[in-house]
Amino acid sequence: MVRLVMMAVAWLMMPQAQAAQDPTAPLGWQAPVVKATSSRARLPELQGIFCDQDGQACRAILNSVSVGTGGRISGYTLSQVTDDFVILQRGGRQWRLEMFADNIKSE
């Protein structure tokens, strides 16, 4: 009886084995590695600029939203609006978006 109790205690104190991988998985199979992706805010699309008759107060249409000077869209701040271009700022960088321009210029 003492021997049986000692064996039971020894069995309870033994570390339990755990499989390093799924024992039912096919040989050589490893779980796919999940890569962390970082998302970057896309530069808003300039769709239009409209100004009052004096040309003093201009607004831009960015991503189908009307935004005035100082307004924010998609993490960017609209710092300047003229009748043919806008300047967006984010994180110390500036982007100049022109109406009908082929290229976006980073300043």
PDB file of N, CA and C in Angstrom:
ATOM      1  N   MET A   1       0.819  -1.202   0.000  1.00  0.00           N
ATOM      2  CA  MET A   1       0.000   0.000   0.000  1.00  0.00           C
ATOM      3  C   MET A   1       0.860   1.261   0.000  1.00  0.00           C
ATOM      4  N   VAL A   2       1.903   1.247   0.828  1.00  0.00           N
ATOM      5  CA  VAL A   2       2.810   2.388   0.890  1.00  0.00           C
ATOM      6  C   VAL A   2       3.471   2.586  -0.465  1.00  0.00           C
ATOM      7  N   ARG A   3       3.799   1.468  -1.065  1.00  0.00           N
ATOM      8  CA  ARG A   3       4.442   1.539  -2.378  1.00  0.00           C
ATOM      9  C   ARG A   3       3.503   2.161  -3.408  1.00  0.00           C
ATOM     10  N   LEU A   4       2.248   1.821  -3.373  1.00  0.00           N
ATOM     11  CA  LEU A   4       1.255   2.377  -4.290  1.00  0.00           C
ATOM     12  C   LEU A   4       1.080   3.875  -4.068  1.00  0.00           C
ATOM     13  N   VAL A   5       1.056   4.319  -2.825  1.00  0.00           N
ATOM     14  CA  VAL A   5       0.929   5.746  -2.506  1.00  0.00           C
ATOM     15  C   VAL A   5       2.159   6.486  -2.996  1.00  0.00           C
ATOM     16  N   MET A   6       3.352   5.912  -2.793  1.00  0.00           N
ATOM     17  CA  MET A   6       4.595   6.551  -3.246  1.00  0.00           C
ATOM     18  C   MET A   6       4.625   6.682  -4.769  1.00  0.00           C
ATOM     19  N   MET A   7       4.137   5.685  -5.466  1.00  0.00           N
ATOM     20  CA  MET A   7       4.103   5.752  -6.932  1.00  0.00           C
ATOM     21  C   MET A   7       3.117   6.823  -7.398  1.00  0.00           C
ATOM     22  N   ALA A   8       1.993   6.933  -6.733  1.00  0.00           N
ATOM     23  CA  ALA A   8       0.999   7.942  -7.097  1.00  0.00           C
ATOM     24  C   ALA A   8       1.549   9.344  -6.865  1.00  0.00           C
ATOM     25  N   VAL A   9       2.230   9.557  -5.740  1.00  0.00           N
ATOM     26  CA  VAL A   9       2.825  10.864  -5.437  1.00  0.00           C
ATOM     27  C   VAL A   9       3.908  11.186  -6.458  1.00  0.00           C
ATOM     28  N   ALA A  10       4.747  10.221  -6.791  1.00  0.00           N
ATOM     29  CA  ALA A  10       5.807  10.446  -7.777  1.00  0.00           C
ATOM     30  C   ALA A  10       5.221  10.781  -9.140  1.00  0.00           C
ATOM     31  N   TRP A  11       4.153  10.108  -9.504  1.00  0.00           N
ATOM     32  CA  TRP A  11       3.510  10.384 -10.797  1.00  0.00           C
ATOM     33  C   TRP A  11       2.932  11.793 -10.835  1.00  0.00           C
ATOM     34  N   LEU A  12       2.325  12.244  -9.725  1.00  0.00           N
ATOM     35  CA  LEU A  12       1.748  13.591  -9.673  1.00  0.00           C
ATOM     36  C   LEU A  12       2.810  14.674  -9.717  1.00  0.00           C
ATOM     37  N   MET A  13       3.998  14.394  -9.246  1.00  0.00           N
ATOM     38  CA  MET A  13       5.068  15.388  -9.207  1.00  0.00           C
ATOM     39  C   MET A  13       5.865  15.449 -10.509  1.00  0.00           C
ATOM     40  N   MET A  14       5.691  14.474 -11.367  1.00  0.00           N
ATOM     41  CA  MET A  14       6.423  14.470 -12.642  1.00  0.00           C
ATOM     42  C   MET A  14       5.877  15.573 -13.549  1.00  0.00           C
ATOM     43  N   PRO A  15       6.766  16.262 -14.286  1.00  0.00           N
ATOM     44  CA  PRO A  15       6.276  17.281 -15.222  1.00  0.00           C
ATOM     45  C   PRO A  15       5.471  16.617 -16.339  1.00  0.00           C
ATOM     46  N   GLN A  16       4.400  17.265 -16.702  1.00  0.00           N
ATOM     47  CA  GLN A  16       3.537  16.726 -17.748  1.00  0.00           C
ATOM     48  C   GLN A  16       4.123  17.092 -19.114  1.00  0.00           C
ATOM     49  N   ALA A  17       4.178  16.156 -20.004  1.00  0.00           N
ATOM     50  CA  ALA A  17       4.714  16.382 -21.342  1.00  0.00           C
ATOM     51  C   ALA A  17       3.664  17.086 -22.202  1.00  0.00           C
ATOM     52  N   GLN A  18       4.128  18.052 -22.975  1.00  0.00           N
ATOM     53  CA  GLN A  18       3.247  18.744 -23.907  1.00  0.00           C
ATOM     54  C   GLN A  18       3.873  18.669 -25.291  1.00  0.00           C
ATOM     55  N   ALA A  19       3.047  18.478 -26.270  1.00  0.00           N
ATOM     56  CA  ALA A  19       3.540  18.380 -27.642  1.00  0.00           C
ATOM     57  C   ALA A  19       3.985  19.752 -28.128  1.00  0.00           C
ATOM     58  N   ALA A  20       5.141  19.794 -28.792  1.00  0.00           N
ATOM     59  CA  ALA A  20       5.643  21.046 -29.337  1.00  0.00           C
ATOM     60  C   ALA A  20       4.817  21.486 -30.534  1.00  0.00           C
ATOM     61  N   GLN A  21       4.189  20.544 -31.173  1.00  0.00           N
ATOM     62  CA  GLN A  21       3.329  20.859 -32.310  1.00  0.00           C
ATOM     63  C   GLN A  21       2.142  19.920 -32.297  1.00  0.00           C
ATOM     64  N   ASP A  22       1.205  20.184 -33.162  1.00  0.00           N
ATOM     65  CA  ASP A  22      -0.019  19.384 -33.233  1.00  0.00           C
ATOM     66  C   ASP A  22       0.335  17.969 -33.692  1.00  0.00           C
ATOM     67  N   PRO A  23       0.092  16.943 -32.871  1.00  0.00           N
ATOM     68  CA  PRO A  23       0.447  15.579 -33.261  1.00  0.00           C
ATOM     69  C   PRO A  23      -0.421  15.032 -34.386  1.00  0.00           C
ATOM     70  N   THR A  24      -1.533  15.711 -34.689  1.00  0.00           N
ATOM     71  CA  THR A  24      -2.394  15.231 -35.773  1.00  0.00           C
ATOM     72  C   THR A  24      -2.080  15.898 -37.109  1.00  0.00           C
ATOM     73  N   ALA A  25      -1.137  16.836 -37.102  1.00  0.00           N
ATOM     74  CA  ALA A  25      -0.780  17.532 -38.340  1.00  0.00           C
ATOM     75  C   ALA A  25       0.062  16.614 -39.225  1.00  0.00           C
ATOM     76  N   PRO A  26       0.017  16.812 -40.553  1.00  0.00           N
ATOM     77  CA  PRO A  26       0.852  16.008 -41.452  1.00  0.00           C
ATOM     78  C   PRO A  26       2.338  16.200 -41.138  1.00  0.00           C
ATOM     79  N   LEU A  27       3.158  15.202 -41.467  1.00  0.00           N
ATOM     80  CA  LEU A  27       4.588  15.294 -41.213  1.00  0.00           C
ATOM     81  C   LEU A  27       5.200  16.485 -41.935  1.00  0.00           C
ATOM     82  N   GLY A  28       6.017  17.225 -41.236  1.00  0.00           N
ATOM     83  CA  GLY A  28       6.703  18.354 -41.834  1.00  0.00           C
ATOM     84  C   GLY A  28       5.877  19.626 -41.926  1.00  0.00           C
ATOM     85  N   TRP A  29       4.627  19.574 -41.566  1.00  0.00           N
ATOM     86  CA  TRP A  29       3.776  20.761 -41.665  1.00  0.00           C
ATOM     87  C   TRP A  29       4.066  21.711 -40.520  1.00  0.00           C
ATOM     88  N   GLN A  30       4.135  22.995 -40.846  1.00  0.00           N
ATOM     89  CA  GLN A  30       4.313  24.021 -39.824  1.00  0.00           C
ATOM     90  C   GLN A  30       3.265  25.096 -40.027  1.00  0.00           C
ATOM     91  N   ALA A  31       2.798  25.645 -38.941  1.00  0.00           N
ATOM     92  CA  ALA A  31       1.792  26.703 -39.019  1.00  0.00           C
ATOM     93  C   ALA A  31       2.389  27.913 -39.741  1.00  0.00           C
ATOM     94  N   PRO A  32       1.601  28.578 -40.599  1.00  0.00           N
ATOM     95  CA  PRO A  32       2.114  29.746 -41.307  1.00  0.00           C
ATOM     96  C   PRO A  32       2.432  30.870 -40.332  1.00  0.00           C
ATOM     97  N   VAL A  33       3.472  31.615 -40.664  1.00  0.00           N
ATOM     98  CA  VAL A  33       3.892  32.743 -39.841  1.00  0.00           C
ATOM     99  C   VAL A  33       3.032  33.946 -40.211  1.00  0.00           C
ATOM    100  N   VAL A  34       2.454  34.576 -39.205  1.00  0.00           N
ATOM    101  CA  VAL A  34       1.622  35.755 -39.435  1.00  0.00           C
ATOM    102  C   VAL A  34       2.511  36.983 -39.344  1.00  0.00           C
ATOM    103  N   LYS A  35       2.567  37.743 -40.427  1.00  0.00           N
ATOM    104  CA  LYS A  35       3.389  38.946 -40.456  1.00  0.00           C
ATOM    105  C   LYS A  35       2.554  40.146 -40.028  1.00  0.00           C
ATOM    106  N   ALA A  36       3.148  40.987 -39.219  1.00  0.00           N
ATOM    107  CA  ALA A  36       2.469  42.219 -38.806  1.00  0.00           C
ATOM    108  C   ALA A  36       2.540  43.209 -39.966  1.00  0.00           C
ATOM    109  N   THR A  37       1.417  43.790 -40.298  1.00  0.00           N
ATOM    110  CA  THR A  37       1.394  44.766 -41.376  1.00  0.00           C
ATOM    111  C   THR A  37       1.190  46.150 -40.789  1.00  0.00           C
ATOM    112  N   SER A  38       1.869  47.091 -41.361  1.00  0.00           N
ATOM    113  CA  SER A  38       1.683  48.468 -40.923  1.00  0.00           C
ATOM    114  C   SER A  38       0.825  49.187 -41.954  1.00  0.00           C
ATOM    115  N   SER A  39      -0.059  49.978 -41.458  1.00  0.00           N
ATOM    116  CA  SER A  39      -0.922  50.712 -42.380  1.00  0.00           C
ATOM    117  C   SER A  39      -0.452  52.150 -42.469  1.00  0.00           C
ATOM    118  N   ARG A  40      -0.352  52.616 -43.672  1.00  0.00           N
ATOM    119  CA  ARG A  40       0.026  53.998 -43.908  1.00  0.00           C
ATOM    120  C   ARG A  40      -1.185  54.723 -44.456  1.00  0.00           C
ATOM    121  N   ALA A  41      -1.369  55.922 -43.976  1.00  0.00           N
ATOM    122  CA  ALA A  41      -2.493  56.715 -44.464  1.00  0.00           C
ATOM    123  C   ALA A  41      -2.204  57.115 -45.915  1.00  0.00           C
ATOM    124  N   ARG A  42      -3.165  56.876 -46.767  1.00  0.00           N
ATOM    125  CA  ARG A  42      -3.000  57.239 -48.169  1.00  0.00           C
ATOM    126  C   ARG A  42      -3.199  58.729 -48.338  1.00  0.00           C
ATOM    127  N   LEU A  43      -2.466  59.294 -49.252  1.00  0.00           N
ATOM    128  CA  LEU A  43      -2.585  60.712 -49.571  1.00  0.00           C
ATOM    129  C   LEU A  43      -3.980  60.952 -50.142  1.00  0.00           C
ATOM    130  N   PRO A  44      -4.718  61.922 -49.597  1.00  0.00           N
ATOM    131  CA  PRO A  44      -6.060  62.181 -50.122  1.00  0.00           C
ATOM    132  C   PRO A  44      -6.020  62.572 -51.597  1.00  0.00           C
ATOM    133  N   GLU A  45      -7.098  62.279 -52.296  1.00  0.00           N
ATOM    134  CA  GLU A  45      -7.204  62.607 -53.725  1.00  0.00           C
ATOM    135  C   GLU A  45      -7.849  63.981 -53.875  1.00  0.00           C
ATOM    136  N   LEU A  46      -7.167  64.866 -54.576  1.00  0.00           N
ATOM    137  CA  LEU A  46      -7.701  66.204 -54.855  1.00  0.00           C
ATOM    138  C   LEU A  46      -8.673  66.083 -56.020  1.00  0.00           C
ATOM    139  N   GLN A  47      -9.937  66.397 -55.755  1.00  0.00           N
ATOM    140  CA  GLN A  47     -10.969  66.261 -56.783  1.00  0.00           C
ATOM    141  C   GLN A  47     -11.473  67.602 -57.290  1.00  0.00           C
ATOM    142  N   GLY A  48     -11.205  68.659 -56.565  1.00  0.00           N
ATOM    143  CA  GLY A  48     -11.663  69.964 -57.025  1.00  0.00           C
ATOM    144  C   GLY A  48     -11.269  71.064 -56.066  1.00  0.00           C
ATOM    145  N   ILE A  49     -11.259  72.281 -56.592  1.00  0.00           N
ATOM    146  CA  ILE A  49     -11.000  73.487 -55.797  1.00  0.00           C
ATOM    147  C   ILE A  49     -12.041  74.509 -56.209  1.00  0.00           C
ATOM    148  N   PHE A  50     -12.656  75.146 -55.234  1.00  0.00           N
ATOM    149  CA  PHE A  50     -13.562  76.235 -55.566  1.00  0.00           C
ATOM    150  C   PHE A  50     -13.289  77.414 -54.654  1.00  0.00           C
ATOM    151  N   CYS A  51     -13.369  78.607 -55.235  1.00  0.00           N
ATOM    152  CA  CYS A  51     -13.067  79.844 -54.510  1.00  0.00           C
ATOM    153  C   CYS A  51     -14.244  80.800 -54.670  1.00  0.00           C
ATOM    154  N   ASP A  52     -14.335  81.775 -53.755  1.00  0.00           N
ATOM    155  CA  ASP A  52     -15.370  82.796 -53.896  1.00  0.00           C
ATOM    156  C   ASP A  52     -14.985  83.734 -55.042  1.00  0.00           C
ATOM    157  N   GLN A  53     -15.835  84.702 -55.336  1.00  0.00           N
ATOM    158  CA  GLN A  53     -15.597  85.576 -56.496  1.00  0.00           C
ATOM    159  C   GLN A  53     -14.332  86.404 -56.344  1.00  0.00           C
ATOM    160  N   ASP A  54     -13.968  86.763 -55.130  1.00  0.00           N
ATOM    161  CA  ASP A  54     -12.744  87.544 -54.915  1.00  0.00           C
ATOM    162  C   ASP A  54     -11.490  86.680 -54.993  1.00  0.00           C
ATOM    163  N   GLY A  55     -11.650  85.377 -54.911  1.00  0.00           N
ATOM    164  CA  GLY A  55     -10.502  84.472 -54.926  1.00  0.00           C
ATOM    165  C   GLY A  55      -9.799  84.408 -53.585  1.00  0.00           C
ATOM    166  N   GLN A  56     -10.415  84.972 -52.559  1.00  0.00           N
ATOM    167  CA  GLN A  56      -9.794  85.007 -51.235  1.00  0.00           C
ATOM    168  C   GLN A  56     -10.035  83.722 -50.447  1.00  0.00           C
ATOM    169  N   ALA A  57     -11.253  83.291 -50.366  1.00  0.00           N
ATOM    170  CA  ALA A  57     -11.596  82.098 -49.583  1.00  0.00           C
ATOM    171  C   ALA A  57     -11.775  80.913 -50.522  1.00  0.00           C
ATOM    172  N   CYS A  58     -10.825  79.987 -50.459  1.00  0.00           N
ATOM    173  CA  CYS A  58     -10.883  78.800 -51.311  1.00  0.00           C
ATOM    174  C   CYS A  58     -11.047  77.559 -50.436  1.00  0.00           C
ATOM    175  N   ARG A  59     -11.718  76.575 -50.991  1.00  0.00           N
ATOM    176  CA  ARG A  59     -11.899  75.273 -50.337  1.00  0.00           C
ATOM    177  C   ARG A  59     -11.522  74.192 -51.348  1.00  0.00           C
ATOM    178  N   ALA A  60     -11.137  73.054 -50.830  1.00  0.00           N
ATOM    179  CA  ALA A  60     -10.756  71.938 -51.698  1.00  0.00           C
ATOM    180  C   ALA A  60     -11.694  70.767 -51.444  1.00  0.00           C
ATOM    181  N   ILE A  61     -11.906  69.991 -52.492  1.00  0.00           N
ATOM    182  CA  ILE A  61     -12.643  68.735 -52.373  1.00  0.00           C
ATOM    183  C   ILE A  61     -11.590  67.631 -52.365  1.00  0.00           C
ATOM    184  N   LEU A  62     -11.444  67.001 -51.199  1.00  0.00           N
ATOM    185  CA  LEU A  62     -10.477  65.918 -51.022  1.00  0.00           C
ATOM    186  C   LEU A  62     -11.243  64.677 -50.565  1.00  0.00           C
ATOM    187  N   ASN A  63     -11.103  63.598 -51.310  1.00  0.00           N
ATOM    188  CA  ASN A  63     -11.823  62.352 -50.999  1.00  0.00           C
ATOM    189  C   ASN A  63     -13.321  62.603 -50.824  1.00  0.00           C
ATOM    190  N   SER A  64     -13.881  63.413 -51.694  1.00  0.00           N
ATOM    191  CA  SER A  64     -15.310  63.739 -51.711  1.00  0.00           C
ATOM    192  C   SER A  64     -15.782  64.523 -50.488  1.00  0.00           C
ATOM    193  N   VAL A  65     -14.850  65.207 -49.812  1.00  0.00           N
ATOM    194  CA  VAL A  65     -15.188  66.022 -48.650  1.00  0.00           C
ATOM    195  C   VAL A  65     -14.664  67.432 -48.875  1.00  0.00           C
ATOM    196  N   SER A  66     -15.497  68.430 -48.596  1.00  0.00           N
ATOM    197  CA  SER A  66     -15.086  69.825 -48.703  1.00  0.00           C
ATOM    198  C   SER A  66     -14.266  70.200 -47.471  1.00  0.00           C
ATOM    199  N   VAL A  67     -13.035  70.686 -47.702  1.00  0.00           N
ATOM    200  CA  VAL A  67     -12.119  71.012 -46.606  1.00  0.00           C
ATOM    201  C   VAL A  67     -11.555  72.409 -46.837  1.00  0.00           C
ATOM    202  N   GLY A  68     -11.552  73.216 -45.791  1.00  0.00           N
ATOM    203  CA  GLY A  68     -10.965  74.554 -45.857  1.00  0.00           C
ATOM    204  C   GLY A  68      -9.574  74.558 -45.242  1.00  0.00           C
ATOM    205  N   THR A  69      -8.904  75.692 -45.360  1.00  0.00           N
ATOM    206  CA  THR A  69      -7.563  75.838 -44.801  1.00  0.00           C
ATOM    207  C   THR A  69      -7.591  75.535 -43.310  1.00  0.00           C
ATOM    208  N   GLY A  70      -6.657  74.708 -42.865  1.00  0.00           N
ATOM    209  CA  GLY A  70      -6.593  74.301 -41.464  1.00  0.00           C
ATOM    210  C   GLY A  70      -7.395  73.044 -41.169  1.00  0.00           C
ATOM    211  N   GLY A  71      -8.204  72.610 -42.118  1.00  0.00           N
ATOM    212  CA  GLY A  71      -9.000  71.394 -41.921  1.00  0.00           C
ATOM    213  C   GLY A  71      -8.146  70.144 -42.012  1.00  0.00           C
ATOM    214  N   ARG A  72      -8.672  69.060 -41.460  1.00  0.00           N
ATOM    215  CA  ARG A  72      -7.944  67.794 -41.468  1.00  0.00           C
ATOM    216  C   ARG A  72      -8.739  66.734 -42.206  1.00  0.00           C
ATOM    217  N   ILE A  73      -8.006  65.895 -42.938  1.00  0.00           N
ATOM    218  CA  ILE A  73      -8.620  64.763 -43.627  1.00  0.00           C
ATOM    219  C   ILE A  73      -7.598  63.638 -43.706  1.00  0.00           C
ATOM    220  N   SER A  74      -7.995  62.461 -43.294  1.00  0.00           N
ATOM    221  CA  SER A  74      -7.164  61.248 -43.320  1.00  0.00           C
ATOM    222  C   SER A  74      -5.811  61.457 -42.646  1.00  0.00           C
ATOM    223  N   GLY A  75      -5.762  62.258 -41.584  1.00  0.00           N
ATOM    224  CA  GLY A  75      -4.513  62.490 -40.868  1.00  0.00           C
ATOM    225  C   GLY A  75      -3.655  63.589 -41.446  1.00  0.00           C
ATOM    226  N   TYR A  76      -4.084  64.209 -42.530  1.00  0.00           N
ATOM    227  CA  TYR A  76      -3.351  65.296 -43.164  1.00  0.00           C
ATOM    228  C   TYR A  76      -4.036  66.617 -42.832  1.00  0.00           C
ATOM    229  N   THR A  77      -3.243  67.701 -42.721  1.00  0.00           N
ATOM    230  CA  THR A  77      -3.784  69.033 -42.482  1.00  0.00           C
ATOM    231  C   THR A  77      -3.645  69.837 -43.762  1.00  0.00           C
ATOM    232  N   LEU A  78      -4.732  70.484 -44.156  1.00  0.00           N
ATOM    233  CA  LEU A  78      -4.727  71.338 -45.349  1.00  0.00           C
ATOM    234  C   LEU A  78      -4.178  72.691 -44.929  1.00  0.00           C
ATOM    235  N   SER A  79      -2.948  72.999 -45.343  1.00  0.00           N
ATOM    236  CA  SER A  79      -2.301  74.234 -44.890  1.00  0.00           C
ATOM    237  C   SER A  79      -2.479  75.396 -45.855  1.00  0.00           C
ATOM    238  N   GLN A  80      -2.699  75.103 -47.134  1.00  0.00           N
ATOM    239  CA  GLN A  80      -2.858  76.192 -48.101  1.00  0.00           C
ATOM    240  C   GLN A  80      -3.738  75.736 -49.252  1.00  0.00           C
ATOM    241  N   VAL A  81      -4.615  76.643 -49.686  1.00  0.00           N
ATOM    242  CA  VAL A  81      -5.474  76.360 -50.830  1.00  0.00           C
ATOM    243  C   VAL A  81      -5.395  77.556 -51.769  1.00  0.00           C
ATOM    244  N   THR A  82      -5.043  77.322 -53.018  1.00  0.00           N
ATOM    245  CA  THR A  82      -5.089  78.366 -54.044  1.00  0.00           C
ATOM    246  C   THR A  82      -6.048  77.891 -55.126  1.00  0.00           C
ATOM    247  N   ASP A  83      -6.179  78.682 -56.169  1.00  0.00           N
ATOM    248  CA  ASP A  83      -7.124  78.301 -57.221  1.00  0.00           C
ATOM    249  C   ASP A  83      -6.641  77.144 -58.091  1.00  0.00           C
ATOM    250  N   ASP A  84      -5.352  76.754 -57.998  1.00  0.00           N
ATOM    251  CA  ASP A  84      -4.891  75.639 -58.821  1.00  0.00           C
ATOM    252  C   ASP A  84      -4.087  74.561 -58.081  1.00  0.00           C
ATOM    253  N   PHE A  85      -3.818  74.744 -56.783  1.00  0.00           N
ATOM    254  CA  PHE A  85      -3.144  73.698 -56.027  1.00  0.00           C
ATOM    255  C   PHE A  85      -3.476  73.819 -54.545  1.00  0.00           C
ATOM    256  N   VAL A  86      -3.184  72.726 -53.808  1.00  0.00           N
ATOM    257  CA  VAL A  86      -3.320  72.718 -52.347  1.00  0.00           C
ATOM    258  C   VAL A  86      -2.046  72.149 -51.750  1.00  0.00           C
ATOM    259  N   ILE A  87      -1.786  72.499 -50.501  1.00  0.00           N
ATOM    260  CA  ILE A  87      -0.637  71.937 -49.791  1.00  0.00           C
ATOM    261  C   ILE A  87      -1.154  71.235 -48.548  1.00  0.00           C
ATOM    262  N   LEU A  88      -0.779  69.969 -48.426  1.00  0.00           N
ATOM    263  CA  LEU A  88      -1.141  69.142 -47.276  1.00  0.00           C
ATOM    264  C   LEU A  88       0.104  68.919 -46.431  1.00  0.00           C
ATOM    265  N   GLN A  89      -0.074  68.838 -45.110  1.00  0.00           N
ATOM    266  CA  GLN A  89       1.037  68.587 -44.206  1.00  0.00           C
ATOM    267  C   GLN A  89       0.719  67.409 -43.305  1.00  0.00           C
ATOM    268  N   ARG A  90       1.790  66.685 -42.966  1.00  0.00           N
ATOM    269  CA  ARG A  90       1.661  65.586 -42.008  1.00  0.00           C
ATOM    270  C   ARG A  90       3.054  65.212 -41.520  1.00  0.00           C
ATOM    271  N   GLY A  91       3.231  65.194 -40.221  1.00  0.00           N
ATOM    272  CA  GLY A  91       4.506  64.763 -39.638  1.00  0.00           C
ATOM    273  C   GLY A  91       5.704  65.545 -40.125  1.00  0.00           C
ATOM    274  N   GLY A  92       5.582  66.835 -40.304  1.00  0.00           N
ATOM    275  CA  GLY A  92       6.708  67.655 -40.737  1.00  0.00           C
ATOM    276  C   GLY A  92       6.976  67.624 -42.233  1.00  0.00           C
ATOM    277  N   ARG A  93       6.187  66.889 -42.988  1.00  0.00           N
ATOM    278  CA  ARG A  93       6.358  66.835 -44.453  1.00  0.00           C
ATOM    279  C   ARG A  93       5.213  67.558 -45.122  1.00  0.00           C
ATOM    280  N   GLN A  94       5.435  67.992 -46.353  1.00  0.00           N
ATOM    281  CA  GLN A  94       4.414  68.687 -47.127  1.00  0.00           C
ATOM    282  C   GLN A  94       4.239  68.018 -48.480  1.00  0.00           C
ATOM    283  N   TRP A  95       3.008  68.050 -48.964  1.00  0.00           N
ATOM    284  CA  TRP A  95       2.691  67.554 -50.304  1.00  0.00           C
ATOM    285  C   TRP A  95       1.911  68.632 -51.027  1.00  0.00           C
ATOM    286  N   ARG A  96       2.289  68.874 -52.253  1.00  0.00           N
ATOM    287  CA  ARG A  96       1.589  69.843 -53.088  1.00  0.00           C
ATOM    288  C   ARG A  96       0.795  69.064 -54.127  1.00  0.00           C
ATOM    289  N   LEU A  97      -0.530  69.181 -54.074  1.00  0.00           N
ATOM    290  CA  LEU A  97      -1.405  68.517 -55.026  1.00  0.00           C
ATOM    291  C   LEU A  97      -1.950  69.560 -55.975  1.00  0.00           C
ATOM    292  N   GLU A  98      -1.760  69.341 -57.249  1.00  0.00           N
ATOM    293  CA  GLU A  98      -2.222  70.283 -58.258  1.00  0.00           C
ATOM    294  C   GLU A  98      -3.406  69.716 -59.016  1.00  0.00           C
ATOM    295  N   MET A  99      -4.264  70.601 -59.452  1.00  0.00           N
ATOM    296  CA  MET A  99      -5.379  70.176 -60.291  1.00  0.00           C
ATOM    297  C   MET A  99      -4.819  69.771 -61.647  1.00  0.00           C
ATOM    298  N   PHE A 100      -5.232  68.652 -62.138  1.00  0.00           N
ATOM    299  CA  PHE A 100      -4.840  68.138 -63.452  1.00  0.00           C
ATOM    300  C   PHE A 100      -3.345  67.903 -63.568  1.00  0.00           C
ATOM    301  N   ALA A 101      -2.651  67.666 -62.460  1.00  0.00           N
ATOM    302  CA  ALA A 101      -1.208  67.412 -62.507  1.00  0.00           C
ATOM    303  C   ALA A 101      -0.960  65.922 -62.707  1.00  0.00           C
ATOM    304  N   ASP A 102       0.110  65.610 -63.414  1.00  0.00           N
ATOM    305  CA  ASP A 102       0.485  64.216 -63.606  1.00  0.00           C
ATOM    306  C   ASP A 102       1.256  63.682 -62.405  1.00  0.00           C
ATOM    307  N   ASN A 103       1.962  64.549 -61.715  1.00  0.00           N
ATOM    308  CA  ASN A 103       2.810  64.114 -60.610  1.00  0.00           C
ATOM    309  C   ASN A 103       2.407  64.831 -59.320  1.00  0.00           C
ATOM    310  N   ILE A 104       2.618  64.146 -58.208  1.00  0.00           N
ATOM    311  CA  ILE A 104       2.445  64.736 -56.889  1.00  0.00           C
ATOM    312  C   ILE A 104       3.836  65.098 -56.412  1.00  0.00           C
ATOM    313  N   LYS A 105       4.002  66.322 -55.978  1.00  0.00           N
ATOM    314  CA  LYS A 105       5.317  66.792 -55.571  1.00  0.00           C
ATOM    315  C   LYS A 105       5.416  66.828 -54.060  1.00  0.00           C
ATOM    316  N   SER A 106       6.451  66.199 -53.518  1.00  0.00           N
ATOM    317  CA  SER A 106       6.710  66.230 -52.086  1.00  0.00           C
ATOM    318  C   SER A 106       7.769  67.295 -51.848  1.00  0.00           C
ATOM    319  N   GLU A 107       7.479  68.199 -50.929  1.00  0.00           N
ATOM    320  CA  GLU A 107       8.433  69.295 -50.675  1.00  0.00           C
ATOM    321  C   GLU A 107       9.137  69.098 -49.373  1.00  0.00           C
TER     322      GLU A 107
END
